[in-house]
Amino acid sequence: MSSAAQAAWRPAAAPLSRAQKLLLPLGALLFDWLFCLQGAGPNVFVFAVFVVAAQLVLLPKVAAVRRSGYFWLMVGGSLFSGGMMAVYGSGVAALACGASVLMLLGYVNQPHLRLGVYALLTAVGSGVQGGPRVLLGLSAPRYAGEGVRRGWFYGRLLLVPLLGLGGFHLLFMVANPRYLAYFARVMDALGEFLLWLLPEMTLVHVVFLTLGFLVTAGAVVLVPVYLYADHESRFGEFIRRQRDRVASFAVRRPNFQPNTRRALDLRKEWVAAVVLFALVNALLLVVNAIDVNWLWFGFVPKPGFDLTQFVHEGTYVLIFSILLAMGIVLWFFRRNLNFYVPGLPWLRWGATVWVVQNAVLAVSVGLRNYYYIQHSGLAYKRIGVCFFLLLVFFGLGTVLLKIWQRRSAYSLVRLNFLAVYAAVLLLAAGNWEVWIARYNLQARFRSIDIGFLLDMPGRVLPTLVARRALISTAPHLTAEAEHGGTESISAPEAQRRLDVAMAAWRSRYQARSNWQGRTYTDWRTAQALRAQ
């Protein structure tokens, strides 16, 4: 193992390795160059590549995390979501990239972690300590005089009070507008002084260099966080029969208090579970029969039918019912009822039928959402419901695994978190705004929410420009009113708002003269609008 690799895995108080000493200033300068007064786009991808490359450089070849599938999944997820930031620059791509990089750092910090949530928390816990640990670990120059060493000692001693002062300063800025105004004047004066002292260095660059140093330190200098790894080590993939609460030192948690439990308590719990599953299966069978007869075949809304209320209220209630059903199954199959041999087949089949019926209920929810899209068009929440239902089907499948394979709740959380992560990556890969605009701008829709489309990112503008004629002939155009709600607007007003949106986007695009904040779709949009 190389000396640089060994230093990367020493405690936080150990001196930095040569690679870390090189990566810290390089990361700070790169962060300032990529993000100072720039939008989010290819710069996020470049910095994600830097973080991934830094971890691969610092990790020993024999590191346990190199054999972790979760680590390589996060490497791929970080690069993929960063690439989607370079293409679309969407908020969900930024979320996916940030979460991927954090989980990557969490798995590097604790290689035996498996749960993504714990990896996130581990990375955050380590990241907030990285910068202060580096600063506290700095030492005075070796051949400096006594005065320099004394100043260096007191400077480090005052670091923590200065951080506390900064926290209170932020609170006072939020609470007192006059204090904020005075602080702004002080910062303007300081900026002018720095500009006079160093013409190429502005206060903004100082802020971004400092922020870049802290971010890079959090990524390069890993402070071990054992809390979540220790907590996860107590969980297993499968449920084991528990014999605790027995008056014996041979069990995990002995209990020498008077025993008030009776021998038939487990059978009583089984009877309650079987009766509950039988009753709710009968009730859910009636609900599913109604939905199948009403929604599945030839559903046509009658005139005056409130489709919005039909979808919103019904969907929320049904989704809550599905989540409640999953919770009840988790409750009854949590412990020794999984090993009650005399009645386990009845319990398993009753729960399985209930899970299948909940899947049918989820199909009905999907049909409600489908009919709403057919009559009113696409929107963010309607797409979100589609992905949520996919996750529900996956979750119901994992519940069946729990029922028949005695899997633990920890196993279900782990699998479903991976499914959520995959869904976020899939959302990051979609050009959803353009697809929404293309779908909603169809002649069959009698009402078009043009205000909603104009509020979307600029990559939607070529689609709107290409369908100007359809916008002009639409029977009903709406936009968000000034004080909430919606209002009708005329076709000329819609065209005027489209022209204003195009001019505003061109101005913003020209202001971002550097490549760091210009995405691929921004470039394509500029090419498409240049001919207009």
Protein backbone atom coordinates (compact mmCIF):
# COMPACT_ATOMS: atom_id res chain seq x y z
CA MET A 1 0.00 0.00 0.00
CA SER A 2 1.45 3.39 -0.94
CA SER A 3 2.19 6.06 1.67
CA ALA A 4 -0.37 8.40 0.08
CA ALA A 5 -3.04 5.73 0.26
CA GLN A 6 -2.18 4.94 3.86
CA ALA A 7 -2.42 8.61 4.83
CA ALA A 8 -5.85 8.84 3.25
CA TRP A 9 -7.09 6.27 5.75
CA ARG A 10 -5.47 7.60 8.89
CA PRO A 11 -7.53 9.36 11.56
CA ALA A 12 -8.45 12.96 10.86
CA ALA A 13 -5.64 14.29 13.08
CA ALA A 14 -2.98 12.62 10.90
CA PRO A 15 -1.02 14.78 8.44
CA LEU A 16 -2.40 15.06 4.94
CA SER A 17 -0.92 12.92 2.22
CA ARG A 18 0.77 14.44 -0.81
CA ALA A 19 -2.24 13.61 -2.95
CA GLN A 20 -4.57 15.34 -0.53
CA LYS A 21 -2.33 18.41 -0.33
CA LEU A 22 -2.47 18.60 -4.12
CA LEU A 23 -6.20 17.93 -4.44
CA LEU A 24 -7.30 20.51 -1.85
CA PRO A 25 -6.06 23.66 -3.65
CA LEU A 26 -6.83 22.12 -7.03
CA GLY A 27 -10.43 21.44 -5.98
CA ALA A 28 -10.87 24.94 -4.54
CA LEU A 29 -9.56 26.59 -7.73
CA LEU A 30 -11.64 24.26 -9.89
CA PHE A 31 -14.77 25.00 -7.87
CA ASP A 32 -14.24 28.75 -8.22
CA TRP A 33 -13.59 28.47 -11.96
CA LEU A 34 -16.61 26.26 -12.55
CA PHE A 35 -19.26 27.85 -10.33
CA CYS A 36 -18.36 31.49 -9.66
CA LEU A 37 -21.30 33.51 -11.08
CA GLN A 38 -22.27 30.57 -13.31
CA GLY A 39 -25.44 28.56 -13.67
CA ALA A 40 -25.68 24.81 -13.19
CA GLY A 41 -24.81 22.72 -16.21
CA PRO A 42 -21.63 21.07 -17.51
CA ASN A 43 -19.74 22.48 -14.52
CA VAL A 44 -21.61 20.06 -12.23
CA PHE A 45 -20.53 17.15 -14.43
CA VAL A 46 -16.88 18.28 -14.42
CA PHE A 47 -16.80 18.63 -10.63
CA ALA A 48 -18.51 15.24 -10.19
CA VAL A 49 -15.78 13.70 -12.37
CA PHE A 50 -13.17 15.40 -10.18
CA VAL A 51 -14.69 13.97 -6.98
CA VAL A 52 -14.92 10.46 -8.45
CA ALA A 53 -11.37 10.61 -9.80
CA ALA A 54 -10.09 11.88 -6.44
CA GLN A 55 -11.63 8.92 -4.63
CA LEU A 56 -10.15 6.44 -7.10
CA VAL A 57 -6.72 8.05 -6.69
CA LEU A 58 -6.86 8.07 -2.88
CA LEU A 59 -8.31 4.58 -2.45
CA PRO A 60 -5.79 1.76 -2.03
CA LYS A 61 -6.00 -1.02 -4.59
CA VAL A 62 -6.90 -3.44 -1.79
CA ALA A 63 -9.56 -1.19 -0.22
CA ALA A 64 -12.70 -3.09 0.75
CA VAL A 65 -14.94 -0.49 -0.87
CA ARG A 66 -13.53 -1.36 -4.31
CA ARG A 67 -15.31 -4.71 -3.96
CA SER A 68 -18.61 -3.07 -3.04
CA GLY A 69 -21.31 -3.06 -5.70
CA TYR A 70 -22.92 -0.05 -4.03
CA PHE A 71 -19.72 1.96 -4.49
CA TRP A 72 -19.55 1.26 -8.22
CA LEU A 73 -23.28 1.90 -8.53
CA MET A 74 -22.72 5.37 -7.06
CA VAL A 75 -19.74 5.95 -9.33
CA GLY A 76 -21.93 5.20 -12.33
CA GLY A 77 -24.84 7.18 -10.90
CA SER A 78 -22.64 10.22 -10.23
CA LEU A 79 -21.24 10.26 -13.75
CA PHE A 80 -24.61 9.55 -15.37
CA SER A 81 -26.54 12.19 -13.43
CA GLY A 82 -23.69 14.65 -13.93
CA GLY A 83 -23.93 13.98 -17.66
CA MET A 84 -27.66 14.68 -17.51
CA MET A 85 -26.84 18.00 -15.85
CA ALA A 86 -24.64 18.80 -18.82
CA VAL A 87 -27.49 17.88 -21.17
CA TYR A 88 -30.58 19.27 -19.41
CA GLY A 89 -29.49 21.09 -16.26
CA SER A 90 -32.76 20.11 -14.58
CA GLY A 91 -33.49 20.20 -10.88
CA VAL A 92 -34.04 16.45 -10.64
CA ALA A 93 -30.69 15.83 -12.36
CA ALA A 94 -29.01 18.11 -9.81
CA LEU A 95 -30.74 16.18 -7.00
CA ALA A 96 -29.63 12.85 -8.46
CA CYS A 97 -26.03 14.04 -8.90
CA GLY A 98 -25.79 15.50 -5.40
CA ALA A 99 -27.29 12.40 -3.78
CA SER A 100 -25.05 10.08 -5.83
CA VAL A 101 -21.85 11.92 -4.90
CA LEU A 102 -22.82 12.02 -1.22
CA MET A 103 -23.65 8.32 -1.13
CA LEU A 104 -20.38 7.60 -2.95
CA LEU A 105 -18.48 9.41 -0.18
CA GLY A 106 -20.55 7.61 2.46
CA TYR A 107 -19.67 4.20 1.08
CA VAL A 108 -15.99 5.18 0.87
CA ASN A 109 -16.15 6.31 4.50
CA GLN A 110 -17.77 3.08 5.69
CA PRO A 111 -17.27 0.31 3.09
CA HIS A 112 -19.59 -2.15 4.83
CA LEU A 113 -22.64 0.11 4.63
CA ARG A 114 -25.51 -1.11 2.47
CA LEU A 115 -28.40 1.24 3.22
CA GLY A 116 -28.30 4.34 1.03
CA VAL A 117 -29.88 6.60 3.65
CA TYR A 118 -27.11 5.75 6.10
CA ALA A 119 -24.51 6.40 3.41
CA LEU A 120 -26.00 9.86 2.87
CA LEU A 121 -25.96 10.66 6.58
CA THR A 122 -22.42 9.32 6.94
CA ALA A 123 -21.19 11.53 4.09
CA VAL A 124 -22.87 14.61 5.57
CA GLY A 125 -21.43 13.89 9.00
CA SER A 126 -17.94 13.50 7.54
CA GLY A 127 -18.23 16.42 5.12
CA VAL A 128 -19.08 19.05 7.73
CA GLN A 129 -15.98 18.00 9.69
CA GLY A 130 -13.53 17.85 6.79
CA GLY A 131 -12.82 21.57 6.40
CA PRO A 132 -12.47 22.37 10.13
CA ARG A 133 -10.23 19.31 10.62
CA VAL A 134 -7.91 20.50 7.85
CA LEU A 135 -7.75 24.00 9.29
CA LEU A 136 -7.15 22.73 12.83
CA GLY A 137 -4.45 20.40 11.54
CA LEU A 138 -2.42 23.20 9.96
CA SER A 139 0.83 24.01 11.71
CA ALA A 140 3.17 26.95 11.63
CA PRO A 141 6.15 26.89 9.26
CA ARG A 142 8.95 24.77 10.65
CA TYR A 143 11.58 27.53 10.81
CA ALA A 144 9.24 30.39 11.77
CA GLY A 145 10.03 32.64 14.69
CA GLU A 146 8.45 32.56 18.12
CA GLY A 147 6.04 35.40 17.28
CA VAL A 148 4.75 33.61 14.19
CA ARG A 149 4.21 30.39 16.12
CA ARG A 150 2.40 32.21 18.92
CA GLY A 151 0.16 34.00 16.40
CA TRP A 152 -0.52 30.73 14.63
CA PHE A 153 -1.50 29.11 17.94
CA TYR A 154 -3.97 31.83 18.90
CA GLY A 155 -5.32 32.02 15.36
CA ARG A 156 -6.26 28.34 15.50
CA LEU A 157 -7.63 28.82 19.01
CA LEU A 158 -9.99 31.56 17.77
CA LEU A 159 -11.27 29.49 14.82
CA VAL A 160 -14.18 27.93 16.74
CA PRO A 161 -15.37 31.26 18.26
CA LEU A 162 -15.21 32.83 14.80
CA LEU A 163 -17.39 30.04 13.40
CA GLY A 164 -19.91 30.66 16.20
CA LEU A 165 -19.80 34.37 15.45
CA GLY A 166 -20.53 33.62 11.80
CA GLY A 167 -23.58 31.57 12.75
CA PHE A 168 -25.04 34.36 14.89
CA HIS A 169 -24.19 36.84 12.16
CA LEU A 170 -26.34 34.89 9.68
CA LEU A 171 -29.23 34.82 12.15
CA PHE A 172 -29.05 38.58 12.69
CA MET A 173 -28.95 39.16 8.94
CA VAL A 174 -32.24 37.31 8.59
CA ALA A 175 -33.87 38.96 11.61
CA ASN A 176 -32.79 42.60 11.19
CA PRO A 177 -33.09 44.26 7.76
CA ARG A 178 -31.19 47.39 8.87
CA TYR A 179 -28.30 45.24 10.08
CA LEU A 180 -28.35 43.53 6.68
CA ALA A 181 -28.17 46.91 4.93
CA TYR A 182 -25.17 48.00 7.04
CA PHE A 183 -23.45 44.68 6.36
CA ALA A 184 -24.03 45.11 2.62
CA ARG A 185 -22.33 48.51 2.76
CA VAL A 186 -19.37 47.02 4.63
CA MET A 187 -19.07 44.20 2.09
CA ASP A 188 -19.17 46.70 -0.80
CA ALA A 189 -16.34 48.66 0.80
CA LEU A 190 -14.36 45.47 1.40
CA GLY A 191 -14.91 44.42 -2.20
CA GLU A 192 -13.60 47.75 -3.46
CA PHE A 193 -10.54 47.42 -1.22
CA LEU A 194 -9.80 43.92 -2.51
CA LEU A 195 -10.25 45.12 -6.07
CA TRP A 196 -7.72 47.88 -5.41
CA LEU A 197 -5.32 45.53 -3.65
CA LEU A 198 -5.67 42.62 -6.08
CA PRO A 199 -7.30 43.72 -9.35
CA GLU A 200 -7.91 40.12 -10.42
CA MET A 201 -9.39 39.02 -7.07
CA THR A 202 -12.92 40.10 -6.13
CA LEU A 203 -14.88 39.35 -2.99
CA VAL A 204 -17.05 36.92 -4.94
CA HIS A 205 -14.00 34.89 -5.87
CA VAL A 206 -12.89 34.86 -2.24
CA VAL A 207 -16.28 33.48 -1.20
CA PHE A 208 -16.26 30.80 -3.90
CA LEU A 209 -12.66 29.82 -3.17
CA THR A 210 -13.54 29.42 0.50
CA LEU A 211 -16.65 27.42 -0.33
CA GLY A 212 -14.69 25.34 -2.82
CA PHE A 213 -12.07 24.58 -0.19
CA LEU A 214 -14.71 23.41 2.29
CA VAL A 215 -16.49 21.26 -0.32
CA THR A 216 -13.22 19.74 -1.53
CA ALA A 217 -12.07 19.09 2.02
CA GLY A 218 -15.35 17.29 2.73
CA ALA A 219 -14.77 15.09 -0.33
CA VAL A 220 -11.03 14.45 0.01
CA VAL A 221 -10.45 14.37 3.78
CA LEU A 222 -12.78 11.68 5.10
CA VAL A 223 -13.47 11.79 8.82
CA PRO A 224 -14.62 8.30 9.95
CA VAL A 225 -18.26 8.26 11.09
CA TYR A 226 -19.13 4.95 12.71
CA LEU A 227 -22.56 5.76 14.13
CA TYR A 228 -24.70 4.61 11.21
CA ALA A 229 -22.49 1.65 10.31
CA ASP A 230 -22.70 0.41 13.90
CA HIS A 231 -26.47 0.88 13.90
CA GLU A 232 -26.86 -0.98 10.59
CA SER A 233 -24.74 -3.88 11.81
CA ARG A 234 -27.58 -4.90 14.14
CA PHE A 235 -29.95 -5.53 11.24
CA GLY A 236 -30.19 -8.63 9.09
CA GLU A 237 -31.77 -9.50 5.77
CA PHE A 238 -34.04 -12.15 7.26
CA ILE A 239 -36.10 -12.47 10.42
CA ARG A 240 -34.82 -14.84 13.06
CA ARG A 241 -36.91 -16.48 15.71
CA GLN A 242 -36.48 -14.50 18.91
CA ARG A 243 -36.40 -16.15 22.29
CA ASP A 244 -35.74 -13.07 24.40
CA ARG A 245 -37.76 -11.95 27.42
CA VAL A 246 -37.06 -15.33 29.03
CA ALA A 247 -35.66 -15.77 32.54
CA SER A 248 -32.35 -17.14 31.31
CA PHE A 249 -28.89 -15.73 30.67
CA ALA A 250 -28.74 -17.82 27.47
CA VAL A 251 -30.99 -15.40 25.55
CA ARG A 252 -30.06 -12.02 24.08
CA ARG A 253 -32.31 -9.92 26.34
CA PRO A 254 -33.20 -11.88 29.49
CA ASN A 255 -36.12 -10.76 31.64
CA PHE A 256 -36.32 -11.90 35.24
CA GLN A 257 -39.45 -9.92 36.07
CA PRO A 258 -42.75 -11.71 36.69
CA ASN A 259 -44.06 -13.07 33.38
CA THR A 260 -47.60 -11.95 32.61
CA ARG A 261 -47.64 -13.41 29.09
CA ARG A 262 -49.53 -16.56 28.45
CA ALA A 263 -48.72 -19.45 26.16
CA LEU A 264 -51.57 -18.71 23.76
CA ASP A 265 -50.67 -15.06 23.11
CA LEU A 266 -49.03 -15.88 19.76
CA ARG A 267 -52.12 -17.82 18.66
CA LYS A 268 -54.32 -14.88 19.65
CA GLU A 269 -52.19 -12.58 17.49
CA TRP A 270 -52.51 -15.07 14.63
CA VAL A 271 -56.31 -15.18 15.00
CA ALA A 272 -56.47 -11.38 14.97
CA ALA A 273 -54.30 -11.24 11.84
CA VAL A 274 -56.33 -13.88 9.99
CA VAL A 275 -59.63 -12.20 10.87
CA LEU A 276 -58.28 -8.80 9.82
CA PHE A 277 -56.98 -10.11 6.49
CA ALA A 278 -60.28 -11.91 5.84
CA LEU A 279 -62.37 -8.80 6.53
CA VAL A 280 -60.23 -6.36 4.59
CA ASN A 281 -59.94 -8.81 1.68
CA ALA A 282 -63.73 -8.97 1.52
CA LEU A 283 -64.03 -5.18 1.70
CA LEU A 284 -61.27 -4.60 -0.85
CA LEU A 285 -62.86 -7.17 -3.16
CA VAL A 286 -66.02 -5.05 -3.25
CA VAL A 287 -64.03 -1.87 -3.93
CA ASN A 288 -61.98 -3.52 -6.67
CA ALA A 289 -65.10 -5.00 -8.26
CA ILE A 290 -66.65 -1.53 -8.41
CA ASP A 291 -63.48 0.01 -9.86
CA VAL A 292 -63.00 -2.74 -12.43
CA ASN A 293 -66.61 -2.44 -13.58
CA TRP A 294 -66.52 1.38 -13.57
CA LEU A 295 -63.00 2.34 -14.65
CA TRP A 296 -61.34 -0.51 -16.47
CA PHE A 297 -63.65 -0.91 -19.43
CA GLY A 298 -65.24 1.92 -21.42
CA PHE A 299 -65.05 4.71 -18.84
CA VAL A 300 -66.43 7.97 -20.27
CA PRO A 301 -66.96 11.00 -17.97
CA LYS A 302 -70.50 12.33 -18.08
CA PRO A 303 -71.14 16.02 -18.88
CA GLY A 304 -70.40 18.15 -15.82
CA PHE A 305 -68.39 15.38 -14.16
CA ASP A 306 -65.66 16.91 -11.94
CA LEU A 307 -62.69 14.93 -13.18
CA THR A 308 -60.22 16.96 -11.11
CA GLN A 309 -61.88 16.11 -7.81
CA PHE A 310 -62.39 12.53 -9.00
CA VAL A 311 -58.65 12.12 -9.55
CA HIS A 312 -57.16 14.19 -6.74
CA GLU A 313 -59.26 13.06 -3.81
CA GLY A 314 -59.65 9.48 -4.98
CA THR A 315 -55.96 9.08 -5.80
CA TYR A 316 -54.75 10.43 -2.47
CA VAL A 317 -57.13 8.20 -0.49
CA LEU A 318 -56.25 5.10 -2.50
CA ILE A 319 -52.52 5.73 -2.20
CA PHE A 320 -52.89 6.13 1.57
CA SER A 321 -54.85 2.86 1.64
CA ILE A 322 -52.05 1.04 -0.19
CA LEU A 323 -49.38 2.40 2.14
CA LEU A 324 -51.51 1.47 5.16
CA ALA A 325 -51.91 -2.06 3.81
CA MET A 326 -48.14 -2.41 3.44
CA GLY A 327 -47.69 -1.15 7.00
CA ILE A 328 -50.14 -3.68 8.43
CA VAL A 329 -48.37 -6.55 6.66
CA LEU A 330 -45.04 -5.36 8.02
CA TRP A 331 -46.53 -5.25 11.53
CA PHE A 332 -47.94 -8.77 11.62
CA PHE A 333 -44.90 -10.34 9.92
CA ARG A 334 -42.37 -8.55 12.10
CA ARG A 335 -41.41 -11.30 14.59
CA ASN A 336 -42.33 -14.80 15.73
CA LEU A 337 -45.62 -14.96 13.85
CA ASN A 338 -43.45 -15.89 10.84
CA PHE A 339 -42.65 -19.16 12.65
CA TYR A 340 -46.16 -20.11 13.82
CA VAL A 341 -46.24 -23.35 11.86
CA PRO A 342 -49.87 -24.45 12.51
CA GLY A 343 -51.44 -21.34 11.00
CA LEU A 344 -48.67 -19.86 8.85
CA PRO A 345 -50.08 -21.03 5.46
CA TRP A 346 -53.45 -19.38 6.17
CA LEU A 347 -51.74 -16.18 7.25
CA ARG A 348 -49.42 -16.10 4.24
CA TRP A 349 -52.14 -16.73 1.67
CA GLY A 350 -54.47 -14.20 3.28
CA ALA A 351 -51.73 -11.55 3.21
CA THR A 352 -50.78 -12.51 -0.36
CA VAL A 353 -54.33 -12.10 -1.58
CA TRP A 354 -54.48 -8.71 0.12
CA VAL A 355 -51.21 -7.61 -1.52
CA VAL A 356 -52.50 -8.70 -4.93
CA GLN A 357 -55.75 -6.84 -4.36
CA ASN A 358 -53.76 -3.73 -3.45
CA ALA A 359 -51.91 -4.12 -6.73
CA VAL A 360 -55.30 -4.13 -8.48
CA LEU A 361 -56.18 -1.01 -6.51
CA ALA A 362 -52.95 0.60 -7.72
CA VAL A 363 -53.96 -0.20 -11.31
CA SER A 364 -57.23 1.65 -10.67
CA VAL A 365 -55.25 4.64 -9.39
CA GLY A 366 -53.17 4.53 -12.56
CA LEU A 367 -56.31 4.48 -14.70
CA ARG A 368 -57.68 7.53 -12.87
CA ASN A 369 -54.44 9.33 -13.58
CA TYR A 370 -54.51 8.15 -17.22
CA TYR A 371 -58.03 9.46 -17.79
CA TYR A 372 -57.05 12.77 -16.22
CA ILE A 373 -54.05 13.04 -18.57
CA GLN A 374 -56.24 12.16 -21.54
CA HIS A 375 -58.70 14.95 -20.75
CA SER A 376 -56.44 17.64 -19.23
CA GLY A 377 -52.89 17.01 -20.45
CA LEU A 378 -49.63 16.26 -18.73
CA ALA A 379 -48.21 17.96 -15.63
CA TYR A 380 -45.39 17.34 -13.19
CA LYS A 381 -47.60 15.77 -10.52
CA ARG A 382 -49.30 13.46 -13.01
CA ILE A 383 -45.92 12.17 -14.16
CA GLY A 384 -44.93 11.88 -10.50
CA VAL A 385 -48.00 9.72 -9.82
CA CYS A 386 -46.91 7.36 -12.63
CA PHE A 387 -43.46 6.89 -11.12
CA PHE A 388 -44.93 6.60 -7.64
CA LEU A 389 -47.17 3.76 -8.81
CA LEU A 390 -44.19 1.98 -10.33
CA LEU A 391 -42.51 2.21 -6.94
CA VAL A 392 -45.72 0.94 -5.29
CA PHE A 393 -45.72 -2.15 -7.51
CA PHE A 394 -42.06 -2.75 -6.66
CA GLY A 395 -42.81 -2.23 -2.98
CA LEU A 396 -45.70 -4.69 -3.07
CA GLY A 397 -43.37 -7.20 -4.70
CA THR A 398 -40.90 -6.79 -1.84
CA VAL A 399 -43.75 -7.26 0.65
CA LEU A 400 -44.43 -10.63 -0.98
CA LEU A 401 -40.76 -11.46 -0.49
CA LYS A 402 -41.13 -10.59 3.17
CA ILE A 403 -44.21 -12.80 3.51
CA TRP A 404 -42.76 -15.88 1.83
CA GLN A 405 -39.02 -15.53 2.54
CA ARG A 406 -39.21 -14.05 6.07
CA ARG A 407 -37.30 -10.95 4.98
CA SER A 408 -36.78 -8.21 7.51
CA ALA A 409 -38.05 -4.65 7.36
CA TYR A 410 -34.44 -3.56 6.89
CA SER A 411 -34.26 -5.66 3.72
CA LEU A 412 -37.41 -3.99 2.38
CA VAL A 413 -36.11 -0.50 3.17
CA ARG A 414 -32.81 -1.28 1.44
CA LEU A 415 -34.44 -2.66 -1.70
CA ASN A 416 -37.03 0.09 -1.94
CA PHE A 417 -34.42 2.80 -1.44
CA LEU A 418 -32.52 1.38 -4.41
CA ALA A 419 -35.75 1.48 -6.41
CA VAL A 420 -36.30 5.13 -5.46
CA TYR A 421 -32.74 5.92 -6.48
CA ALA A 422 -33.27 4.21 -9.84
CA ALA A 423 -36.47 6.22 -10.33
CA VAL A 424 -34.64 9.48 -9.60
CA LEU A 425 -31.97 8.58 -12.17
CA LEU A 426 -34.68 7.76 -14.69
CA LEU A 427 -36.40 11.08 -14.02
CA ALA A 428 -33.05 12.84 -14.47
CA ALA A 429 -32.65 11.26 -17.90
CA GLY A 430 -35.96 12.59 -19.27
CA ASN A 431 -36.62 15.77 -21.22
CA TRP A 432 -39.94 16.00 -19.42
CA GLU A 433 -40.77 19.66 -20.06
CA VAL A 434 -40.47 19.28 -23.83
CA TRP A 435 -42.53 16.09 -23.76
CA ILE A 436 -45.18 17.81 -21.65
CA ALA A 437 -45.34 20.74 -24.08
CA ARG A 438 -45.59 18.48 -27.15
CA TYR A 439 -48.36 16.45 -25.54
CA ASN A 440 -50.37 19.39 -24.23
CA LEU A 441 -50.20 21.35 -27.47
CA GLN A 442 -52.65 19.17 -29.34
CA ALA A 443 -55.74 20.32 -31.16
CA ARG A 444 -57.93 17.85 -29.27
CA PHE A 445 -57.51 19.78 -26.00
CA ARG A 446 -60.11 22.51 -25.69
CA SER A 447 -58.17 24.29 -22.93
CA ILE A 448 -54.39 24.89 -22.87
CA ASP A 449 -52.60 26.25 -19.82
CA ILE A 450 -50.18 28.41 -21.77
CA GLY A 451 -48.96 30.14 -18.61
CA PHE A 452 -47.78 26.80 -17.24
CA LEU A 453 -45.87 26.07 -20.44
CA LEU A 454 -44.24 29.51 -20.53
CA ASP A 455 -43.02 29.09 -16.95
CA MET A 456 -41.02 26.01 -17.96
CA PRO A 457 -37.28 26.09 -18.74
CA GLY A 458 -36.13 27.73 -21.96
CA ARG A 459 -35.70 24.43 -23.81
CA VAL A 460 -39.49 24.38 -24.23
CA LEU A 461 -39.51 27.57 -26.33
CA PRO A 462 -38.73 25.92 -29.73
CA THR A 463 -41.72 23.61 -29.23
CA LEU A 464 -43.98 26.57 -28.41
CA VAL A 465 -42.69 28.57 -31.37
CA ALA A 466 -43.26 25.64 -33.72
CA ARG A 467 -46.90 25.47 -32.56
CA ARG A 468 -47.75 29.17 -32.70
CA ALA A 469 -50.60 28.51 -35.09
CA LEU A 470 -52.18 25.97 -32.74
CA ILE A 471 -51.89 28.43 -29.84
CA SER A 472 -53.65 31.09 -31.90
CA THR A 473 -56.55 28.78 -32.76
CA ALA A 474 -56.95 27.15 -29.33
CA PRO A 475 -60.53 27.50 -28.02
CA HIS A 476 -59.45 28.42 -24.49
CA LEU A 477 -56.11 29.65 -23.13
CA THR A 478 -55.40 30.04 -19.42
CA ALA A 479 -52.60 31.34 -17.22
CA GLU A 480 -52.00 31.82 -13.52
CA ALA A 481 -53.73 34.91 -12.15
CA GLU A 482 -51.82 37.57 -10.24
CA HIS A 483 -53.49 36.74 -6.91
CA GLY A 484 -53.74 32.98 -7.36
CA GLY A 485 -56.04 30.78 -9.37
CA THR A 486 -56.28 30.87 -13.16
CA GLU A 487 -57.54 33.39 -15.67
CA SER A 488 -58.42 33.26 -19.34
CA ILE A 489 -56.20 35.11 -21.78
CA SER A 490 -56.59 35.87 -25.46
CA ALA A 491 -54.50 34.41 -28.27
CA PRO A 492 -52.72 37.75 -29.01
CA GLU A 493 -51.81 38.06 -25.33
CA ALA A 494 -50.44 34.52 -25.38
CA GLN A 495 -48.33 35.37 -28.43
CA ARG A 496 -47.05 38.52 -26.73
CA ARG A 497 -46.07 36.55 -23.62
CA LEU A 498 -44.28 34.04 -25.82
CA ASP A 499 -42.28 36.82 -27.47
CA VAL A 500 -41.40 38.27 -24.07
CA ALA A 501 -40.28 34.85 -22.84
CA MET A 502 -38.09 34.39 -25.93
CA ALA A 503 -36.45 37.82 -25.48
CA ALA A 504 -35.83 37.16 -21.77
CA TRP A 505 -34.29 33.77 -22.48
CA ARG A 506 -32.01 35.19 -25.19
CA SER A 507 -30.84 37.86 -22.76
CA ARG A 508 -30.07 35.30 -20.05
CA TYR A 509 -28.31 33.03 -22.53
CA GLN A 510 -26.07 35.81 -23.82
CA ALA A 511 -25.25 36.83 -20.24
CA ARG A 512 -23.91 33.29 -19.66
CA SER A 513 -21.07 33.74 -22.11
CA ASN A 514 -18.98 30.90 -20.64
CA TRP A 515 -19.53 27.21 -21.22
CA GLN A 516 -19.81 26.31 -17.52
CA GLY A 517 -23.52 27.11 -17.24
CA ARG A 518 -24.62 26.38 -20.81
CA THR A 519 -26.23 23.00 -21.24
CA TYR A 520 -26.55 21.06 -24.47
CA THR A 521 -30.27 21.79 -24.66
CA ASP A 522 -29.52 25.51 -24.17
CA TRP A 523 -27.26 25.36 -27.21
CA ARG A 524 -29.91 23.52 -29.21
CA THR A 525 -32.53 26.06 -28.13
CA ALA A 526 -30.31 28.95 -29.22
CA GLN A 527 -29.79 27.30 -32.59
CA ALA A 528 -33.53 26.76 -33.03
CA LEU A 529 -34.48 30.31 -32.01
CA ARG A 530 -31.78 31.94 -34.12
CA ALA A 531 -33.91 31.47 -37.22
CA GLN A 532 -36.95 33.07 -35.58
